[in-house]
Amino acid sequence: MSQAAIRKLVADSVTAALEAQAATMENANNPNRNTVPTEIPVVKTRNYKEFI
């Protein structure tokens, strides 16, 4: 195989993988889609000495 053929093969594979990933992310029923935080971070206002 020539260098050009290898580069084209790699480029085609990367393009196919990116298209598949984009299609997966567009799927509304995908449970692995992390578009919003799962929990709100808590602001800590006291330290350990104040707690005791």
Protein backbone atom coordinates (compact mmCIF):
# COMPACT_ATOMS: atom_id res chain seq x y z
CA MET A 1 0.00 0.00 0.00
CA SER A 2 1.19 3.47 -0.76
CA GLN A 3 1.34 6.30 1.76
CA ALA A 4 -1.53 8.05 -0.02
CA ALA A 5 -3.74 4.96 0.23
CA ILE A 6 -2.95 4.59 3.94
CA ARG A 7 -3.71 8.26 4.60
CA LYS A 8 -7.01 7.99 2.72
CA LEU A 9 -7.94 4.86 4.67
CA VAL A 10 -7.19 6.58 7.99
CA ALA A 11 -9.08 9.72 6.98
CA ASP A 12 -12.11 7.67 5.90
CA SER A 13 -12.07 5.72 9.17
CA VAL A 14 -11.85 8.89 11.26
CA THR A 15 -14.68 10.50 9.29
CA ALA A 16 -16.89 7.43 9.76
CA ALA A 17 -16.15 7.33 13.50
CA LEU A 18 -16.96 11.03 13.94
CA GLU A 19 -20.21 10.66 12.00
CA ALA A 20 -21.20 7.67 14.13
CA GLN A 21 -20.43 9.59 17.32
CA ALA A 22 -22.48 12.59 16.13
CA ALA A 23 -25.42 10.32 15.32
CA THR A 24 -25.18 8.73 18.76
CA MET A 25 -25.13 12.10 20.51
CA GLU A 26 -28.20 13.25 18.56
CA ASN A 27 -30.16 10.25 19.80
CA ALA A 28 -32.62 11.58 22.40
CA ASN A 29 -32.98 8.17 24.06
CA ASN A 30 -29.26 7.90 24.85
CA PRO A 31 -28.90 7.44 28.64
CA ASN A 32 -25.17 8.32 28.47
CA ARG A 33 -25.88 11.84 27.26
CA ASN A 34 -24.50 14.29 29.82
CA THR A 35 -25.97 17.64 28.83
CA VAL A 36 -26.81 18.87 32.34
CA PRO A 37 -25.07 18.41 35.68
CA THR A 38 -26.42 15.51 37.72
CA GLU A 39 -26.13 17.35 41.02
CA ILE A 40 -25.65 20.91 42.19
CA PRO A 41 -22.38 21.55 44.05
CA VAL A 42 -22.85 22.63 47.66
CA VAL A 43 -21.14 25.79 48.85
CA LYS A 44 -19.30 25.13 52.10
CA THR A 45 -19.26 28.11 54.42
CA ARG A 46 -17.82 26.62 57.61
CA ASN A 47 -14.67 24.77 58.49
CA TYR A 48 -14.09 21.79 60.77
CA LYS A 49 -13.43 23.85 63.94
CA GLU A 50 -16.73 25.70 63.58
CA PHE A 51 -18.53 22.41 63.06
CA ILE A 52 -17.26 21.04 66.39
